[in-house]
Amino acid sequence: MSITKATEYNLVIIGAGAAGFTAAYEAANQGLTKILLVEKGRHTGGSGDYIEGAFAVNSKLQQEKNVDIKPEEVVSEELDYSHYEADVKTWQQYVAASGEMIDWLGDLGAEYIDVKPLGSGKRTWHLFKGLGKEVLHGVFEPKVQELGVEIITSVSAQSLKKDDNGRITGVVLESESDHSTTEIATKAVIIATGGYLNNKELIDKETGYDSERLIPVNSGKNTGDGLKLAWEAGARKYRMGMAMLFGGYLKDPLTPSFVYRYSQLNGTAAEQSLLWVNESGQRFVNEEVVDNFAYAGNALFTQGRTFSIIDQNAIDHLMNDGLQRPMSTWHTDLTKLTDLQQNLDEALEKGLPYIHKADTLEELAEMIETPDLVNTVRKYNTFADQGVDQDFGKQDKYLLKVDKAPYYALELGVGAFCTMGGLKVNLKNEVIDTKGQAIPGLYAAGNDAAGNLIGDTYGPNMPGTEAGYSFYSGKHSADCALEYLKKV
């Protein structure tokens, strides 16, 4: 059986996630025919299904809610945040188009719950009803199918073909089921494969993260396929080394990571500014760092092992009195963690590896091999009595005493949504080669191309920027590919 319906296409898009679907729709809606959308997984959507919201400035929704954010302020703040490693022109172009992009998605059928900040960040996060899953499968997929785009799943792209002038001429595809291959002709390719978060080898080689502590919370399919395709075709390897960290995450290799995404137990350990200690049982940061989830991830990675220490006092407080702070990565009206004790008991009953319980701090310290834990807690409790954190300056309202048995230690890994970067692109989202020139006919969008936006740390100060860029760059790369195809 043939992998594709035809042997020649005008445009091939590799990756059927947010960027890929947006590119496919834009190209088809502008009148291009013979478009092929290739997805290596059995299902389309990828990590785009889990997008909560997207960035924009000057959207209609922001205007309705009197949210006034100046584009030039966004660009300036992002350049500062990245220590000027981000590309100023890319940011200017993206920000200028972002409001119209969000409005365009809304006109197509995407529904928004609200526009919100993350922690103390700007109010730029346009939250989707039904997450990205509804946008991709409820809006884009049916429209793309109606427009005649051919969508194939369980098929991977193995290599790109070029002519003697370096122009893209084709793609070699392989069936994931029987490993049969076929070469199809095309003049343009858009790579939108979502980065390399699920490739441990690349994480260990190209980043400073410990892949054993990094916990991907995504589709599981982002293994750098598109990056390797482009590199083999002569693309420049660019801005590797940054994952979108979002702070602590329960370290449980026995359970799929998505299970804890909205777990009250995970939220308690990772987002309530409770006591964090390292492998020695010492504090290492002001736990208010969770206000910026990327900074929290960075702080956790400075230690060998990390634990959130919880006692019955904290449990009672969160269940009965309410949250210490809003869940920064949840868009929810939840005010009390009423299931917390049940979550703890169930985890213990299952014998899950991240949870430890003891009747005394001494016993807990021995259990998790943290020799300084008892002294750390005594000192911390003194700070709580005095209302002053003399070590890290945590606000009094977050200084809950740890003095009521039983005591729990929850081991934390570091959660991550995606990587950003790998390919250098220009303002047309054309992929740049090792000599600094565009590879004719090759484009990249979404995570694969987002290295232009960042330094070494993602900026949740402007929440939704990577998701917004996936939609924006998908549309923009399609428009630029259409212009290219008119000339060749």
Protein backbone atom coordinates (compact mmCIF):
# COMPACT_ATOMS: atom_id res chain seq x y z
CA MET A 1 0.00 0.00 0.00
CA SER A 2 1.31 3.45 -0.91
CA ILE A 3 2.14 5.78 1.96
CA THR A 4 0.66 8.81 0.17
CA LYS A 5 -2.06 9.34 -2.42
CA ALA A 6 0.27 11.17 -4.78
CA THR A 7 3.97 11.30 -5.60
CA GLU A 8 4.22 15.09 -5.87
CA TYR A 9 2.97 17.88 -3.61
CA ASN A 10 3.23 21.65 -3.64
CA LEU A 11 3.88 21.81 0.12
CA VAL A 12 4.77 19.21 2.73
CA ILE A 13 4.30 20.05 6.42
CA ILE A 14 6.05 17.77 8.91
CA GLY A 15 4.25 17.64 12.26
CA ALA A 16 0.50 17.93 12.83
CA GLY A 17 0.48 20.03 15.99
CA ALA A 18 -0.38 23.68 16.57
CA ALA A 19 2.14 25.09 14.10
CA GLY A 20 1.58 22.36 11.52
CA PHE A 21 -2.20 22.57 11.49
CA THR A 22 -2.10 26.36 11.34
CA ALA A 23 0.29 26.25 8.39
CA ALA A 24 -1.83 23.66 6.59
CA TYR A 25 -5.01 25.67 7.02
CA GLU A 26 -3.43 28.97 5.99
CA ALA A 27 -1.86 27.54 2.85
CA ALA A 28 -5.03 25.73 1.79
CA ASN A 29 -7.28 28.65 2.63
CA GLN A 30 -5.12 30.88 0.43
CA GLY A 31 -5.79 28.56 -2.49
CA LEU A 32 -2.79 26.24 -2.52
CA THR A 33 -3.57 22.67 -3.56
CA LYS A 34 -1.72 19.39 -3.12
CA ILE A 35 -0.70 19.93 0.50
CA LEU A 36 0.52 17.00 2.60
CA LEU A 37 0.48 17.09 6.42
CA VAL A 38 2.66 14.35 7.90
CA GLU A 39 2.34 13.08 11.49
CA LYS A 40 4.55 10.32 12.89
CA GLY A 41 2.13 9.51 15.73
CA ARG A 42 -1.08 7.58 15.43
CA HIS A 43 -3.01 10.72 16.30
CA THR A 44 -2.70 14.34 15.27
CA GLY A 45 -2.40 17.23 17.71
CA GLY A 46 0.78 16.33 19.53
CA SER A 47 1.76 18.56 22.42
CA GLY A 48 -0.45 21.26 20.93
CA ASP A 49 -3.40 19.44 22.49
CA TYR A 50 -2.20 20.58 25.93
CA ILE A 51 -1.79 24.28 25.17
CA GLU A 52 -3.72 26.25 27.76
CA GLY A 53 -3.51 29.68 26.20
CA ALA A 54 -1.60 31.91 23.82
CA PHE A 55 0.17 35.26 24.07
CA ALA A 56 -0.99 38.45 22.43
CA VAL A 57 -0.84 42.21 22.79
CA ASN A 58 -3.76 44.44 21.74
CA SER A 59 -6.24 41.65 21.06
CA LYS A 60 -9.95 42.43 21.03
CA LEU A 61 -10.35 40.51 24.30
CA GLN A 62 -7.67 42.62 25.96
CA GLN A 63 -9.27 45.80 24.67
CA GLU A 64 -12.65 44.70 26.04
CA LYS A 65 -11.07 44.18 29.45
CA ASN A 66 -9.04 47.43 29.34
CA VAL A 67 -5.71 45.59 29.30
CA ASP A 68 -3.20 48.10 27.96
CA ILE A 69 0.25 46.68 27.22
CA LYS A 70 2.58 48.56 24.90
CA PRO A 71 4.28 46.43 22.21
CA GLU A 72 7.57 48.26 22.67
CA GLU A 73 7.49 47.50 26.40
CA VAL A 74 7.04 43.80 25.68
CA VAL A 75 9.98 43.75 23.29
CA SER A 76 12.18 45.67 25.71
CA GLU A 77 11.30 43.39 28.64
CA GLU A 78 11.87 40.22 26.63
CA LEU A 79 15.25 41.45 25.43
CA ASP A 80 16.23 42.22 29.03
CA TYR A 81 14.92 38.84 30.16
CA SER A 82 16.99 37.04 27.55
CA HIS A 83 20.09 39.22 28.17
CA TYR A 84 19.72 40.27 24.52
CA GLU A 85 20.18 36.73 23.26
CA ALA A 86 16.70 36.93 21.72
CA ASP A 87 16.32 38.45 18.26
CA VAL A 88 14.81 41.93 18.47
CA LYS A 89 13.34 41.92 14.95
CA THR A 90 11.66 38.54 15.48
CA TRP A 91 10.05 39.84 18.66
CA GLN A 92 8.94 43.07 17.00
CA GLN A 93 7.37 41.20 14.11
CA TYR A 94 5.69 38.63 16.35
CA VAL A 95 4.33 41.12 18.89
CA ALA A 96 2.99 43.38 16.15
CA ALA A 97 1.01 40.49 14.66
CA SER A 98 -0.01 38.79 17.92
CA GLY A 99 -3.29 40.59 18.60
CA GLU A 100 -4.59 40.01 15.09
CA MET A 101 -3.44 36.38 15.37
CA ILE A 102 -5.57 35.79 18.47
CA ASP A 103 -8.53 37.55 16.84
CA TRP A 104 -8.06 35.44 13.69
CA LEU A 105 -8.17 32.25 15.75
CA GLY A 106 -11.35 33.51 17.41
CA ASP A 107 -12.95 34.28 14.05
CA LEU A 108 -12.17 30.72 12.94
CA GLY A 109 -13.97 29.32 15.98
CA ALA A 110 -11.52 29.20 18.87
CA GLU A 111 -13.23 30.20 22.12
CA TYR A 112 -11.50 32.04 24.96
CA ILE A 113 -12.26 31.73 28.66
CA ASP A 114 -10.37 34.86 29.66
CA VAL A 115 -7.05 36.65 29.31
CA LYS A 116 -4.92 36.29 32.44
CA PRO A 117 -1.40 36.70 33.81
CA LEU A 118 0.82 34.02 35.31
CA GLY A 119 1.93 34.97 38.81
CA SER A 120 3.05 38.59 38.70
CA GLY A 121 3.47 38.58 34.91
CA LYS A 122 1.58 40.57 32.29
CA ARG A 123 -2.00 39.81 31.29
CA THR A 124 -1.20 38.25 27.91
CA TRP A 125 -2.38 34.64 28.35
CA HIS A 126 -5.50 34.07 26.21
CA LEU A 127 -6.96 30.89 27.68
CA PHE A 128 -8.68 28.50 25.29
CA LYS A 129 -11.93 26.78 26.10
CA GLY A 130 -11.09 23.08 25.81
CA LEU A 131 -7.35 23.80 25.67
CA GLY A 132 -5.40 23.49 22.44
CA LYS A 133 -7.11 20.17 21.81
CA GLU A 134 -10.37 21.92 21.01
CA VAL A 135 -8.65 24.48 18.79
CA LEU A 136 -6.76 21.84 16.82
CA HIS A 137 -9.43 19.15 16.53
CA GLY A 138 -12.57 21.26 16.82
CA VAL A 139 -11.45 24.12 14.57
CA PHE A 140 -8.42 23.41 12.40
CA GLU A 141 -8.64 19.70 11.62
CA PRO A 142 -12.14 19.73 10.09
CA LYS A 143 -11.39 22.90 8.13
CA VAL A 144 -8.13 21.47 6.82
CA GLN A 145 -9.90 18.31 5.73
CA GLU A 146 -12.66 20.30 4.01
CA LEU A 147 -10.01 22.24 2.09
CA GLY A 148 -8.54 19.02 0.74
CA VAL A 149 -5.29 18.77 2.70
CA GLU A 150 -4.05 15.19 2.81
CA ILE A 151 -3.28 14.15 6.39
CA ILE A 152 -1.27 11.00 7.02
CA THR A 153 -0.45 9.53 10.43
CA SER A 154 2.03 6.90 11.63
CA VAL A 155 4.45 8.19 8.99
CA SER A 156 7.80 9.86 9.67
CA ALA A 157 10.02 11.99 7.46
CA GLN A 158 13.46 10.42 7.10
CA SER A 159 15.36 12.87 4.91
CA LEU A 160 15.07 15.97 2.77
CA LYS A 161 16.15 16.07 -0.86
CA LYS A 162 17.79 19.07 -2.54
CA ASP A 163 18.95 19.88 -6.07
CA ASP A 164 22.37 21.12 -7.11
CA ASN A 165 21.35 24.68 -6.27
CA GLY A 166 20.42 23.71 -2.71
CA ARG A 167 16.67 23.98 -3.27
CA ILE A 168 14.30 21.56 -1.57
CA THR A 169 13.01 19.00 -4.07
CA GLY A 170 11.55 16.19 -2.00
CA VAL A 171 11.06 14.23 1.20
CA VAL A 172 11.66 10.58 1.99
CA LEU A 173 8.86 9.16 4.14
CA GLU A 174 8.71 5.95 6.16
CA SER A 175 5.70 4.06 7.44
CA GLU A 176 5.91 3.54 11.19
CA SER A 177 4.02 0.24 10.86
CA ASP A 178 5.94 -1.69 8.21
CA HIS A 179 8.96 0.63 7.70
CA SER A 180 8.37 0.85 3.96
CA THR A 181 9.69 4.06 2.41
CA THR A 182 8.75 6.31 -0.45
CA GLU A 183 10.17 9.51 -1.89
CA ILE A 184 7.77 12.28 -2.79
CA ALA A 185 8.55 15.43 -4.74
CA THR A 186 7.86 18.89 -3.35
CA LYS A 187 9.26 22.38 -3.68
CA ALA A 188 8.61 23.49 -0.11
CA VAL A 189 8.70 21.93 3.35
CA ILE A 190 7.65 23.37 6.72
CA ILE A 191 9.19 21.67 9.74
CA ALA A 192 6.93 21.80 12.80
CA THR A 193 7.90 18.77 14.88
CA GLY A 194 7.75 20.30 18.35
CA GLY A 195 11.36 20.22 19.57
CA TYR A 196 13.35 17.53 21.36
CA LEU A 197 12.12 17.36 24.97
CA ASN A 198 11.54 13.60 24.71
CA ASN A 199 15.03 12.82 23.40
CA LYS A 200 17.19 12.06 26.45
CA GLU A 201 20.34 11.83 24.35
CA LEU A 202 19.88 15.34 22.99
CA ILE A 203 18.91 16.69 26.42
CA ASP A 204 22.08 15.30 27.97
CA LYS A 205 24.28 16.36 25.06
CA GLU A 206 22.89 19.79 24.24
CA THR A 207 21.60 21.13 27.56
CA GLY A 208 22.73 21.47 31.14
CA TYR A 209 19.70 19.58 32.44
CA ASP A 210 19.83 16.17 34.07
CA SER A 211 17.50 14.05 31.93
CA GLU A 212 16.85 11.76 34.91
CA ARG A 213 15.33 14.66 36.85
CA LEU A 214 13.68 16.41 33.90
CA ILE A 215 10.04 15.37 33.62
CA PRO A 216 8.46 16.02 30.20
CA VAL A 217 4.77 16.85 30.42
CA ASN A 218 3.82 16.72 26.76
CA SER A 219 2.75 14.30 24.05
CA GLY A 220 5.90 12.18 24.38
CA LYS A 221 6.60 12.46 20.64
CA ASN A 222 8.95 15.45 20.52
CA THR A 223 12.25 13.72 19.81
CA GLY A 224 13.97 16.26 17.57
CA ASP A 225 13.03 14.59 14.28
CA GLY A 226 12.62 17.83 12.36
CA LEU A 227 15.82 19.29 13.75
CA LYS A 228 17.84 16.29 12.61
CA LEU A 229 16.23 16.43 9.16
CA ALA A 230 17.24 20.06 8.77
CA TRP A 231 20.74 19.62 10.22
CA GLU A 232 21.41 16.80 7.77
CA ALA A 233 20.24 19.12 4.98
CA GLY A 234 22.82 21.73 6.02
CA ALA A 235 20.90 23.79 8.57
CA ARG A 236 22.69 25.61 11.34
CA LYS A 237 22.26 24.17 14.82
CA TYR A 238 21.05 27.13 16.85
CA ARG A 239 20.08 28.05 20.39
CA MET A 240 19.95 24.57 21.82
CA GLY A 241 19.88 24.20 25.56
CA MET A 242 16.61 25.75 26.73
CA ALA A 243 13.60 23.81 27.95
CA MET A 244 10.45 25.52 29.15
CA LEU A 245 10.73 24.50 32.79
CA PHE A 246 7.73 24.99 35.03
CA GLY A 247 9.07 24.27 38.49
CA GLY A 248 8.76 21.22 40.65
CA TYR A 249 6.93 18.07 39.61
CA LEU A 250 6.40 14.86 41.56
CA LYS A 251 9.23 12.50 40.66
CA ASP A 252 7.38 9.32 39.83
CA PRO A 253 8.85 7.15 37.05
CA LEU A 254 6.04 4.61 37.57
CA THR A 255 3.21 6.92 36.49
CA PRO A 256 2.63 8.83 33.23
CA SER A 257 3.58 12.44 33.92
CA PHE A 258 0.30 13.94 32.67
CA VAL A 259 -1.52 12.26 35.58
CA TYR A 260 -0.09 14.87 37.95
CA ARG A 261 -0.72 17.91 35.74
CA TYR A 262 -3.67 19.07 37.83
CA SER A 263 -3.06 16.94 40.92
CA GLN A 264 -3.70 18.71 44.23
CA LEU A 265 -0.78 16.82 45.72
CA ASN A 266 1.55 18.01 42.96
CA GLY A 267 0.22 21.55 43.32
CA THR A 268 0.87 21.46 47.06
CA ALA A 269 4.45 20.27 46.72
CA ALA A 270 5.38 22.44 43.77
CA GLU A 271 3.34 25.64 43.90
CA GLN A 272 2.35 26.57 47.46
CA SER A 273 5.71 28.03 48.63
CA LEU A 274 6.08 25.43 51.36
CA LEU A 275 9.46 24.33 52.70
CA TRP A 276 11.87 23.00 50.07
CA VAL A 277 15.12 21.24 50.98
CA ASN A 278 17.95 19.63 49.05
CA GLU A 279 19.72 16.30 49.45
CA SER A 280 21.41 17.55 52.62
CA GLY A 281 18.15 18.72 54.13
CA GLN A 282 19.02 22.40 53.68
CA ARG A 283 16.96 25.18 52.17
CA PHE A 284 18.43 26.59 48.95
CA VAL A 285 16.01 29.28 47.73
CA ASN A 286 13.14 31.55 48.73
CA GLU A 287 10.23 29.25 47.93
CA GLU A 288 8.27 32.22 46.58
CA VAL A 289 10.28 31.58 43.41
CA VAL A 290 7.27 29.57 42.23
CA ASP A 291 5.76 32.93 41.20
CA ASN A 292 7.97 32.51 38.11
CA PHE A 293 7.81 28.83 37.23
CA ALA A 294 10.84 28.97 34.93
CA TYR A 295 12.99 30.46 37.68
CA ALA A 296 11.69 27.76 40.03
CA GLY A 297 12.83 25.08 37.60
CA ASN A 298 16.26 26.68 37.36
CA ALA A 299 16.58 26.81 41.16
CA LEU A 300 15.62 23.16 41.55
CA PHE A 301 18.21 22.10 39.00
CA THR A 302 20.98 23.66 41.08
CA GLN A 303 20.53 20.84 43.59
CA GLY A 304 21.15 17.11 43.36
CA ARG A 305 17.81 16.06 44.87
CA THR A 306 14.93 18.18 46.16
CA PHE A 307 12.03 17.55 48.52
CA SER A 308 8.94 19.44 49.54
CA ILE A 309 8.43 19.00 53.30
CA ILE A 310 4.81 18.93 54.43
CA ASP A 311 3.26 18.38 57.85
CA GLN A 312 -0.29 18.01 59.08
CA ASN A 313 -0.41 21.72 59.82
CA ALA A 314 0.11 22.56 56.13
CA ILE A 315 -2.38 19.90 55.04
CA ASP A 316 -5.09 21.23 57.37
CA HIS A 317 -4.39 24.79 56.25
CA LEU A 318 -4.65 24.02 52.53
CA MET A 319 -7.73 21.84 52.94
CA ASN A 320 -9.68 24.09 55.32
CA ASP A 321 -8.34 27.64 55.21
CA GLY A 322 -7.42 27.79 51.54
CA LEU A 323 -4.52 28.10 49.15
CA GLN A 324 -1.42 30.01 50.15
CA ARG A 325 -1.21 31.31 46.59
CA PRO A 326 -3.00 30.66 43.27
CA MET A 327 -1.76 27.71 41.25
CA SER A 328 0.40 29.55 38.73
CA THR A 329 0.12 26.93 35.98
CA TRP A 330 -3.59 26.24 36.49
CA HIS A 331 -6.36 28.45 35.20
CA THR A 332 -8.89 27.49 37.84
CA ASP A 333 -11.04 29.05 40.53
CA LEU A 334 -9.98 26.36 43.02
CA THR A 335 -9.55 27.90 46.48
CA LYS A 336 -9.12 24.86 48.76
CA LEU A 337 -7.33 21.54 48.27
CA THR A 338 -10.11 19.36 49.63
CA ASP A 339 -8.67 16.15 48.13
CA LEU A 340 -5.16 16.62 49.52
CA GLN A 341 -5.30 14.12 52.39
CA GLN A 342 -6.91 11.53 50.14
CA ASN A 343 -4.16 12.09 47.53
CA LEU A 344 -1.48 11.56 50.17
CA ASP A 345 -3.09 8.42 51.54
CA GLU A 346 -3.55 6.92 48.07
CA ALA A 347 0.06 7.61 47.10
CA LEU A 348 1.28 5.90 50.27
CA GLU A 349 -1.04 2.95 49.78
CA LYS A 350 0.32 2.47 46.25
CA GLY A 351 3.89 2.70 47.52
CA LEU A 352 4.78 5.40 45.00
CA PRO A 353 8.49 6.21 45.06
CA TYR A 354 8.32 9.99 45.62
CA ILE A 355 6.40 9.99 48.92
CA HIS A 356 7.79 9.37 52.42
CA LYS A 357 5.91 9.61 55.73
CA ALA A 358 7.16 9.57 59.33
CA ASP A 359 5.91 10.37 62.81
CA THR A 360 9.00 12.42 63.66
CA LEU A 361 11.33 14.68 61.74
CA GLU A 362 14.28 12.59 62.86
CA GLU A 363 12.72 9.50 61.33
CA LEU A 364 11.88 11.38 58.12
CA ALA A 365 15.44 12.72 57.84
CA GLU A 366 16.86 9.23 58.13
CA MET A 367 14.33 7.89 55.66
CA ILE A 368 15.32 10.33 52.89
CA GLU A 369 18.99 10.61 53.94
CA THR A 370 18.95 14.35 54.65
CA PRO A 371 21.24 14.86 57.69
CA ASP A 372 20.50 18.58 58.17
CA LEU A 373 16.71 18.36 57.91
CA VAL A 374 15.92 18.54 61.64
CA ASN A 375 18.07 21.63 62.19
CA THR A 376 16.69 23.23 59.06
CA VAL A 377 13.10 22.78 60.25
CA ARG A 378 13.90 24.09 63.73
CA LYS A 379 15.44 27.21 62.24
CA TYR A 380 12.54 27.61 59.82
CA ASN A 381 10.04 27.36 62.66
CA THR A 382 11.92 30.07 64.54
CA PHE A 383 11.59 32.30 61.49
CA ALA A 384 7.86 31.51 61.39
CA ASP A 385 7.48 32.48 65.07
CA GLN A 386 9.38 35.73 64.49
CA GLY A 387 7.64 36.47 61.20
CA VAL A 388 11.00 37.06 59.50
CA ASP A 389 12.84 34.69 57.16
CA GLN A 390 16.41 35.71 57.95
CA ASP A 391 17.92 33.35 55.35
CA PHE A 392 15.95 34.03 52.17
CA GLY A 393 13.41 36.75 52.94
CA LYS A 394 10.25 34.75 52.32
CA GLN A 395 7.16 36.75 53.27
CA ASP A 396 5.61 36.06 56.65
CA LYS A 397 2.34 34.85 55.13
CA TYR A 398 4.15 31.89 53.56
CA LEU A 399 6.05 30.88 56.70
CA LEU A 400 3.91 27.97 57.89
CA LYS A 401 5.47 26.16 60.86
CA VAL A 402 6.40 22.54 60.30
CA ASP A 403 5.60 21.11 63.72
CA LYS A 404 2.58 18.83 63.55
CA ALA A 405 2.96 15.10 62.87
CA PRO A 406 2.79 13.20 60.62
CA TYR A 407 5.50 14.58 58.37
CA TYR A 408 5.85 13.98 54.66
CA ALA A 409 8.68 14.43 52.17
CA LEU A 410 7.69 14.57 48.50
CA GLU A 411 10.59 14.26 46.07
CA LEU A 412 10.49 16.70 43.19
CA GLY A 413 11.84 16.44 39.69
CA VAL A 414 11.60 19.41 37.35
CA GLY A 415 8.64 19.61 34.99
CA ALA A 416 9.01 20.85 31.42
CA PHE A 417 6.52 21.57 28.64
CA CYS A 418 8.82 21.78 25.62
CA THR A 419 12.18 22.81 24.27
CA MET A 420 12.58 25.97 22.23
CA GLY A 421 15.14 26.19 19.47
CA GLY A 422 17.41 24.08 17.34
CA LEU A 423 17.10 25.89 14.02
CA LYS A 424 18.04 29.42 13.05
CA VAL A 425 15.31 31.11 10.98
CA ASN A 426 15.04 34.51 9.36
CA LEU A 427 12.04 36.84 9.39
CA LYS A 428 10.36 34.70 6.72
CA ASN A 429 10.86 31.63 8.91
CA GLU A 430 13.22 30.25 6.30
CA VAL A 431 15.77 27.85 7.77
CA ILE A 432 19.31 29.23 7.77
CA ASP A 433 22.28 27.08 6.79
CA THR A 434 25.73 26.92 8.35
CA LYS A 435 26.92 29.75 6.06
CA GLY A 436 24.14 32.08 7.16
CA GLN A 437 22.02 31.72 4.02
CA ALA A 438 18.41 30.58 3.70
CA ILE A 439 17.86 27.04 2.42
CA PRO A 440 15.45 27.65 -0.48
CA GLY A 441 12.09 26.04 0.16
CA LEU A 442 12.75 25.02 3.78
CA TYR A 443 10.82 26.65 6.63
CA ALA A 444 10.46 25.98 10.36
CA ALA A 445 7.74 26.92 12.81
CA GLY A 446 6.80 26.41 16.45
CA ASN A 447 9.25 25.00 18.98
CA ASP A 448 11.82 24.07 16.32
CA ALA A 449 12.16 27.73 15.31
CA ALA A 450 11.56 29.46 18.65
CA GLY A 451 15.22 29.87 19.57
CA ASN A 452 14.93 33.42 18.24
CA LEU A 453 12.66 34.27 21.20
CA ILE A 454 14.76 33.21 24.17
CA GLY A 455 17.98 33.19 26.09
CA ASP A 456 18.61 30.44 28.61
CA THR A 457 15.24 30.72 30.39
CA TYR A 458 11.62 30.90 29.21
CA GLY A 459 9.75 34.06 30.15
CA PRO A 460 6.46 33.39 31.96
CA ASN A 461 6.44 37.13 32.63
CA MET A 462 4.65 37.21 29.23
CA PRO A 463 2.67 33.96 29.46
CA GLY A 464 1.71 32.08 26.33
CA THR A 465 4.54 33.34 24.14
CA GLU A 466 5.62 29.93 22.84
CA ALA A 467 2.07 28.74 22.19
CA GLY A 468 1.25 32.01 20.49
CA TYR A 469 4.40 31.74 18.43
CA SER A 470 3.41 28.25 17.30
CA PHE A 471 0.19 29.58 15.80
CA TYR A 472 1.80 32.76 14.50
CA SER A 473 4.85 31.09 12.94
CA GLY A 474 2.71 28.35 11.43
CA LYS A 475 0.59 30.93 9.63
CA HIS A 476 3.54 33.16 8.77
CA SER A 477 5.70 30.35 7.40
CA ALA A 478 2.80 29.22 5.20
CA ASP A 479 2.35 32.74 3.83
CA CYS A 480 6.08 33.00 3.10
CA ALA A 481 6.15 29.56 1.49
CA LEU A 482 3.28 30.61 -0.77
CA GLU A 483 5.27 33.63 -1.91
CA TYR A 484 8.26 31.39 -2.59
CA LEU A 485 6.19 28.90 -4.58
CA LYS A 486 4.94 31.67 -6.87
CA LYS A 487 8.55 32.29 -7.93
CA VAL A 488 9.83 28.74 -8.51
